[in-house]
Amino acid sequence: MNAYENNAFFWQKLDTLYLSSQLVIDRPKNTCHYKYSNLVYPVDYGYLSDSTGSDQSPIDVFKGSIKSTKVGAIVVTADILKRDCEAKLLIGCSEEEIQNILVFLNQTEFQKAVLLQRGDEMPDWASAD
């Protein structure tokens, strides 16, 4: 087994979470972070109001300029100041927007992020839903 295998069922579950929730944009594109004025959001940023992430807060979402109902990617962040890891959904993001999000999330020494992009492959070990 590969260290990372793309599983279409995983992405289907993320799509279901997104489509069954209300997206609230609380930080529009080009606004500054509420604590760090040097951090400017490259796309709309918000959360799924009736969801819960690993930090017990709603799941975070970056919403790009492309109209889409599918989760195109997720970023996983590691933050040593908050002492946590979080997954954030990317919806309707162009390649340029994805790169800008990665620059935004990786610009401090305290937080780093990795990107997992959607695929349609089905690993041998995956079972049908």
N, C-alpha and C. Protein backbone atom coordinates (compact mmCIF):
# COMPACT_ATOMS: atom_id res chain seq x y z
N MET A 1 0.84 -1.17 0.00
CA MET A 1 0.00 0.00 0.00
C MET A 1 0.89 1.24 0.00
N ASN A 2 0.51 2.24 -0.78
CA ASN A 2 1.22 3.53 -0.79
C ASN A 2 0.97 4.26 0.53
N ALA A 3 1.88 5.15 0.88
CA ALA A 3 1.69 5.96 2.08
C ALA A 3 0.43 6.83 1.93
N TYR A 4 0.12 7.21 0.72
CA TYR A 4 -1.08 8.02 0.46
C TYR A 4 -1.76 7.46 -0.77
N GLU A 5 -3.00 7.05 -0.60
CA GLU A 5 -3.79 6.60 -1.74
C GLU A 5 -5.07 7.40 -1.79
N ASN A 6 -5.41 7.88 -2.97
CA ASN A 6 -6.61 8.68 -3.14
C ASN A 6 -7.83 7.77 -3.17
N ASN A 7 -8.82 8.08 -2.37
CA ASN A 7 -10.00 7.24 -2.25
C ASN A 7 -11.24 8.05 -2.58
N ALA A 8 -11.92 7.68 -3.66
CA ALA A 8 -13.11 8.41 -4.10
C ALA A 8 -14.18 8.45 -3.00
N PHE A 9 -14.28 7.44 -2.17
CA PHE A 9 -15.28 7.44 -1.09
C PHE A 9 -14.97 8.51 -0.05
N PHE A 10 -13.69 8.77 0.22
CA PHE A 10 -13.31 9.83 1.14
C PHE A 10 -13.82 11.18 0.63
N TRP A 11 -13.59 11.47 -0.65
CA TRP A 11 -14.01 12.74 -1.23
C TRP A 11 -15.53 12.83 -1.26
N GLN A 12 -16.20 11.71 -1.48
CA GLN A 12 -17.67 11.70 -1.45
C GLN A 12 -18.18 12.11 -0.07
N LYS A 13 -17.53 11.64 0.99
CA LYS A 13 -17.94 12.01 2.35
C LYS A 13 -17.72 13.50 2.59
N LEU A 14 -16.60 14.04 2.10
CA LEU A 14 -16.37 15.48 2.25
C LEU A 14 -17.41 16.29 1.48
N ASP A 15 -17.75 15.84 0.26
CA ASP A 15 -18.80 16.52 -0.51
C ASP A 15 -20.12 16.52 0.25
N THR A 16 -20.45 15.40 0.87
CA THR A 16 -21.70 15.30 1.64
C THR A 16 -21.68 16.27 2.82
N LEU A 17 -20.56 16.34 3.53
CA LEU A 17 -20.44 17.31 4.64
C LEU A 17 -20.67 18.73 4.12
N TYR A 18 -20.03 19.07 3.01
CA TYR A 18 -20.14 20.42 2.46
C TYR A 18 -21.57 20.72 2.00
N LEU A 19 -22.15 19.80 1.24
CA LEU A 19 -23.48 20.05 0.67
C LEU A 19 -24.60 20.03 1.71
N SER A 20 -24.38 19.37 2.83
CA SER A 20 -25.42 19.29 3.86
C SER A 20 -25.23 20.33 4.96
N SER A 21 -24.32 21.26 4.74
CA SER A 21 -24.03 22.29 5.74
C SER A 21 -24.22 23.67 5.14
N GLN A 22 -24.32 24.66 6.01
CA GLN A 22 -24.38 26.05 5.57
C GLN A 22 -22.98 26.65 5.64
N LEU A 23 -22.51 27.17 4.51
CA LEU A 23 -21.21 27.82 4.46
C LEU A 23 -21.36 29.27 4.90
N VAL A 24 -20.61 29.67 5.91
CA VAL A 24 -20.60 31.05 6.40
C VAL A 24 -19.23 31.63 6.06
N ILE A 25 -19.21 32.70 5.26
CA ILE A 25 -17.96 33.39 4.93
C ILE A 25 -17.82 34.53 5.93
N ASP A 26 -16.86 34.40 6.83
CA ASP A 26 -16.65 35.46 7.82
C ASP A 26 -15.39 36.27 7.57
N ARG A 27 -14.58 35.84 6.58
CA ARG A 27 -13.38 36.58 6.22
C ARG A 27 -13.29 36.64 4.69
N PRO A 28 -13.89 37.66 4.09
CA PRO A 28 -13.88 37.77 2.63
C PRO A 28 -12.46 37.92 2.07
N LYS A 29 -12.33 37.58 0.81
CA LYS A 29 -11.06 37.73 0.08
C LYS A 29 -10.49 39.13 0.31
N ASN A 30 -9.17 39.20 0.49
CA ASN A 30 -8.42 40.44 0.66
C ASN A 30 -8.62 41.14 2.01
N THR A 31 -9.24 40.45 2.99
CA THR A 31 -9.32 41.02 4.33
C THR A 31 -8.17 40.48 5.16
N CYS A 32 -7.83 41.23 6.20
CA CYS A 32 -6.72 40.85 7.08
C CYS A 32 -7.20 39.87 8.14
N HIS A 33 -6.30 39.02 8.55
CA HIS A 33 -6.53 38.13 9.68
C HIS A 33 -6.87 38.97 10.91
N TYR A 34 -7.76 38.46 11.76
CA TYR A 34 -8.21 39.25 12.91
C TYR A 34 -7.12 39.50 13.94
N LYS A 35 -6.09 38.66 14.00
CA LYS A 35 -4.98 38.86 14.95
C LYS A 35 -3.72 39.39 14.29
N TYR A 36 -3.47 38.97 13.05
CA TYR A 36 -2.21 39.27 12.38
C TYR A 36 -2.49 40.06 11.10
N SER A 37 -2.33 41.37 11.16
CA SER A 37 -2.71 42.24 10.04
C SER A 37 -1.86 42.02 8.79
N ASN A 38 -0.71 41.38 8.93
CA ASN A 38 0.13 41.11 7.76
C ASN A 38 -0.38 39.90 6.97
N LEU A 39 -1.30 39.12 7.53
CA LEU A 39 -1.87 37.96 6.83
C LEU A 39 -3.17 38.37 6.15
N VAL A 40 -3.19 38.33 4.82
CA VAL A 40 -4.35 38.74 4.04
C VAL A 40 -4.92 37.52 3.32
N TYR A 41 -6.22 37.28 3.51
CA TYR A 41 -6.86 36.09 2.92
C TYR A 41 -6.89 36.20 1.40
N PRO A 42 -6.34 35.18 0.70
CA PRO A 42 -6.27 35.22 -0.76
C PRO A 42 -7.59 34.86 -1.45
N VAL A 43 -8.49 34.21 -0.73
CA VAL A 43 -9.83 33.86 -1.23
C VAL A 43 -10.79 34.00 -0.04
N ASP A 44 -12.09 33.87 -0.31
CA ASP A 44 -13.06 33.88 0.79
C ASP A 44 -12.75 32.75 1.76
N TYR A 45 -12.92 33.02 3.05
CA TYR A 45 -12.63 32.03 4.08
C TYR A 45 -13.78 32.01 5.07
N GLY A 46 -14.19 30.81 5.44
CA GLY A 46 -15.27 30.69 6.41
C GLY A 46 -15.33 29.31 7.00
N TYR A 47 -16.55 28.88 7.31
CA TYR A 47 -16.72 27.61 8.00
C TYR A 47 -18.09 27.02 7.69
N LEU A 48 -18.22 25.72 7.95
CA LEU A 48 -19.50 25.02 7.82
C LEU A 48 -20.17 25.10 9.19
N SER A 49 -21.28 25.85 9.26
CA SER A 49 -21.86 26.25 10.54
C SER A 49 -22.29 25.09 11.44
N ASP A 50 -22.73 24.00 10.88
CA ASP A 50 -23.24 22.91 11.71
C ASP A 50 -22.32 21.69 11.66
N SER A 51 -21.02 21.95 11.69
CA SER A 51 -20.04 20.87 11.64
C SER A 51 -19.07 21.03 12.80
N THR A 52 -18.25 20.00 13.00
CA THR A 52 -17.25 20.06 14.05
C THR A 52 -15.93 19.49 13.53
N GLY A 53 -14.88 20.29 13.62
CA GLY A 53 -13.56 19.85 13.23
C GLY A 53 -12.81 19.27 14.42
N SER A 54 -11.56 18.94 14.20
CA SER A 54 -10.76 18.32 15.25
C SER A 54 -10.52 19.25 16.44
N ASP A 55 -10.64 20.56 16.22
CA ASP A 55 -10.44 21.52 17.30
C ASP A 55 -11.76 21.88 18.00
N GLN A 56 -12.81 21.12 17.71
CA GLN A 56 -14.15 21.32 18.27
C GLN A 56 -14.82 22.60 17.76
N SER A 57 -14.23 23.28 16.81
CA SER A 57 -14.82 24.42 16.11
C SER A 57 -15.35 23.91 14.78
N PRO A 58 -16.19 24.69 14.11
CA PRO A 58 -16.67 24.26 12.80
C PRO A 58 -15.53 24.03 11.80
N ILE A 59 -15.79 23.20 10.79
CA ILE A 59 -14.80 22.90 9.75
C ILE A 59 -14.55 24.16 8.92
N ASP A 60 -13.27 24.49 8.72
CA ASP A 60 -12.86 25.67 7.95
C ASP A 60 -12.92 25.39 6.46
N VAL A 61 -13.22 26.45 5.69
CA VAL A 61 -13.35 26.34 4.24
C VAL A 61 -12.70 27.54 3.56
N PHE A 62 -11.89 27.26 2.53
CA PHE A 62 -11.43 28.28 1.61
C PHE A 62 -12.31 28.16 0.37
N LYS A 63 -12.99 29.25 -0.03
CA LYS A 63 -13.90 29.24 -1.18
C LYS A 63 -13.31 30.09 -2.28
N GLY A 64 -12.97 29.44 -3.39
CA GLY A 64 -12.36 30.13 -4.52
C GLY A 64 -13.38 30.71 -5.48
N SER A 65 -12.91 31.14 -6.64
CA SER A 65 -13.72 31.86 -7.62
C SER A 65 -14.49 30.96 -8.59
N ILE A 66 -14.22 29.65 -8.58
CA ILE A 66 -14.88 28.72 -9.50
C ILE A 66 -16.14 28.17 -8.84
N LYS A 67 -17.24 28.22 -9.58
CA LYS A 67 -18.49 27.66 -9.05
C LYS A 67 -18.37 26.14 -8.99
N SER A 68 -18.52 25.57 -7.80
CA SER A 68 -18.37 24.12 -7.63
C SER A 68 -19.13 23.65 -6.41
N THR A 69 -19.60 22.42 -6.47
CA THR A 69 -20.25 21.81 -5.32
C THR A 69 -19.42 20.65 -4.77
N LYS A 70 -18.17 20.55 -5.24
CA LYS A 70 -17.30 19.47 -4.79
C LYS A 70 -16.08 20.02 -4.07
N VAL A 71 -15.62 19.27 -3.10
CA VAL A 71 -14.37 19.59 -2.42
C VAL A 71 -13.24 19.19 -3.36
N GLY A 72 -12.43 20.16 -3.75
CA GLY A 72 -11.36 19.89 -4.71
C GLY A 72 -10.06 19.47 -4.06
N ALA A 73 -9.89 19.87 -2.79
CA ALA A 73 -8.67 19.56 -2.06
C ALA A 73 -8.89 19.85 -0.58
N ILE A 74 -7.96 19.38 0.22
CA ILE A 74 -7.92 19.79 1.62
C ILE A 74 -6.48 20.18 1.93
N VAL A 75 -6.34 21.09 2.88
CA VAL A 75 -5.02 21.39 3.41
C VAL A 75 -5.03 20.97 4.87
N VAL A 76 -3.93 20.41 5.29
CA VAL A 76 -3.77 20.04 6.69
C VAL A 76 -2.68 20.94 7.25
N THR A 77 -3.02 21.64 8.33
CA THR A 77 -2.07 22.56 8.94
C THR A 77 -1.57 22.02 10.27
N ALA A 78 -0.33 22.35 10.57
CA ALA A 78 0.27 22.07 11.88
C ALA A 78 0.71 23.42 12.44
N ASP A 79 0.19 23.77 13.61
CA ASP A 79 0.42 25.08 14.21
C ASP A 79 1.02 24.88 15.60
N ILE A 80 2.28 25.32 15.77
CA ILE A 80 2.92 25.10 17.07
C ILE A 80 2.48 26.12 18.12
N LEU A 81 1.96 27.28 17.70
CA LEU A 81 1.43 28.24 18.68
C LEU A 81 0.10 27.75 19.26
N LYS A 82 -0.78 27.28 18.39
CA LYS A 82 -2.06 26.75 18.86
C LYS A 82 -1.94 25.31 19.36
N ARG A 83 -0.80 24.68 19.02
CA ARG A 83 -0.54 23.29 19.38
C ARG A 83 -1.63 22.37 18.83
N ASP A 84 -1.91 22.52 17.52
CA ASP A 84 -2.93 21.68 16.90
C ASP A 84 -2.63 21.40 15.44
N CYS A 85 -3.42 20.50 14.89
CA CYS A 85 -3.47 20.20 13.46
C CYS A 85 -4.91 20.33 13.04
N GLU A 86 -5.13 20.88 11.86
CA GLU A 86 -6.49 21.05 11.35
C GLU A 86 -6.55 20.73 9.86
N ALA A 87 -7.70 20.26 9.43
CA ALA A 87 -7.97 20.08 8.01
C ALA A 87 -8.92 21.19 7.56
N LYS A 88 -8.62 21.78 6.42
CA LYS A 88 -9.44 22.85 5.87
C LYS A 88 -9.83 22.46 4.45
N LEU A 89 -11.10 22.63 4.10
CA LEU A 89 -11.60 22.26 2.78
C LEU A 89 -11.35 23.37 1.78
N LEU A 90 -11.04 23.00 0.55
CA LEU A 90 -10.91 23.96 -0.55
C LEU A 90 -12.02 23.67 -1.55
N ILE A 91 -12.86 24.67 -1.79
CA ILE A 91 -13.99 24.54 -2.70
C ILE A 91 -13.83 25.53 -3.85
N GLY A 92 -13.90 25.05 -5.08
CA GLY A 92 -13.88 25.93 -6.25
C GLY A 92 -12.64 26.78 -6.39
N CYS A 93 -11.50 26.24 -6.05
CA CYS A 93 -10.24 27.00 -6.12
C CYS A 93 -9.49 26.67 -7.40
N SER A 94 -9.05 27.71 -8.10
CA SER A 94 -8.20 27.53 -9.27
C SER A 94 -6.80 27.13 -8.80
N GLU A 95 -5.95 26.70 -9.74
CA GLU A 95 -4.57 26.35 -9.38
C GLU A 95 -3.84 27.54 -8.78
N GLU A 96 -4.07 28.72 -9.33
CA GLU A 96 -3.43 29.93 -8.79
C GLU A 96 -3.93 30.21 -7.37
N GLU A 97 -5.23 30.06 -7.14
CA GLU A 97 -5.77 30.28 -5.80
C GLU A 97 -5.22 29.26 -4.81
N ILE A 98 -5.07 28.01 -5.24
CA ILE A 98 -4.50 26.97 -4.37
C ILE A 98 -3.07 27.36 -3.98
N GLN A 99 -2.29 27.80 -4.94
CA GLN A 99 -0.92 28.21 -4.64
C GLN A 99 -0.89 29.40 -3.67
N ASN A 100 -1.82 30.36 -3.86
CA ASN A 100 -1.90 31.51 -2.96
C ASN A 100 -2.31 31.10 -1.55
N ILE A 101 -3.19 30.12 -1.44
CA ILE A 101 -3.60 29.60 -0.13
C ILE A 101 -2.41 28.95 0.56
N LEU A 102 -1.64 28.17 -0.19
CA LEU A 102 -0.45 27.52 0.40
C LEU A 102 0.58 28.55 0.85
N VAL A 103 0.78 29.60 0.08
CA VAL A 103 1.69 30.67 0.50
C VAL A 103 1.16 31.31 1.78
N PHE A 104 -0.13 31.61 1.82
CA PHE A 104 -0.77 32.22 2.99
C PHE A 104 -0.57 31.35 4.23
N LEU A 105 -0.79 30.05 4.11
CA LEU A 105 -0.72 29.16 5.27
C LEU A 105 0.71 28.81 5.69
N ASN A 106 1.66 28.97 4.80
CA ASN A 106 3.05 28.58 5.09
C ASN A 106 3.98 29.77 5.33
N GLN A 107 3.44 30.98 5.44
CA GLN A 107 4.32 32.14 5.51
C GLN A 107 4.91 32.44 6.87
N THR A 108 4.43 31.79 7.92
CA THR A 108 5.03 32.03 9.24
C THR A 108 5.85 30.82 9.66
N GLU A 109 6.73 31.05 10.60
CA GLU A 109 7.56 29.95 11.10
C GLU A 109 6.77 29.05 12.06
N PHE A 110 5.60 29.48 12.48
CA PHE A 110 4.83 28.74 13.49
C PHE A 110 3.81 27.77 12.90
N GLN A 111 3.43 27.98 11.65
CA GLN A 111 2.42 27.12 11.02
C GLN A 111 2.90 26.69 9.65
N LYS A 112 2.67 25.42 9.32
CA LYS A 112 2.96 24.89 7.99
C LYS A 112 1.77 24.05 7.55
N ALA A 113 1.63 23.91 6.22
CA ALA A 113 0.48 23.19 5.67
C ALA A 113 0.91 22.32 4.49
N VAL A 114 0.18 21.23 4.30
CA VAL A 114 0.35 20.37 3.13
C VAL A 114 -0.99 20.26 2.41
N LEU A 115 -0.93 19.99 1.14
CA LEU A 115 -2.11 19.92 0.28
C LEU A 115 -2.38 18.48 -0.15
N LEU A 116 -3.63 18.07 -0.07
CA LEU A 116 -4.08 16.79 -0.63
C LEU A 116 -5.15 17.12 -1.66
N GLN A 117 -4.88 16.79 -2.93
CA GLN A 117 -5.85 17.10 -3.98
C GLN A 117 -6.72 15.90 -4.30
N ARG A 118 -7.91 16.21 -4.74
CA ARG A 118 -8.90 15.19 -5.05
C ARG A 118 -8.47 14.33 -6.22
N GLY A 119 -8.80 13.06 -6.12
CA GLY A 119 -8.60 12.13 -7.21
C GLY A 119 -9.80 11.20 -7.27
N ASP A 120 -9.90 10.43 -8.30
CA ASP A 120 -11.04 9.51 -8.46
C ASP A 120 -10.62 8.05 -8.38
N GLU A 121 -9.36 7.82 -7.98
CA GLU A 121 -8.88 6.45 -7.92
C GLU A 121 -9.54 5.70 -6.77
N MET A 122 -9.56 4.41 -6.89
CA MET A 122 -10.13 3.58 -5.85
C MET A 122 -9.08 2.53 -5.46
N PRO A 123 -8.50 2.65 -4.27
CA PRO A 123 -7.52 1.65 -3.84
C PRO A 123 -8.15 0.26 -3.75
N ASP A 124 -7.33 -0.75 -3.88
CA ASP A 124 -7.82 -2.14 -3.79
C ASP A 124 -8.50 -2.44 -2.46
N TRP A 125 -8.03 -1.81 -1.38
CA TRP A 125 -8.56 -2.11 -0.04
C TRP A 125 -9.88 -1.41 0.23
N ALA A 126 -10.27 -0.44 -0.62
CA ALA A 126 -11.51 0.31 -0.34
C ALA A 126 -12.73 -0.56 -0.62
N SER A 127 -13.72 -0.41 0.22
CA SER A 127 -14.97 -1.16 0.01
C SER A 127 -16.07 -0.22 -0.41
N ALA A 128 -17.04 -0.72 -1.12
CA ALA A 128 -18.14 0.09 -1.60
C ALA A 128 -19.05 0.52 -0.46
N ASP A 129 -19.60 1.71 -0.59
CA ASP A 129 -20.59 2.20 0.39
C ASP A 129 -21.97 1.68 0.05
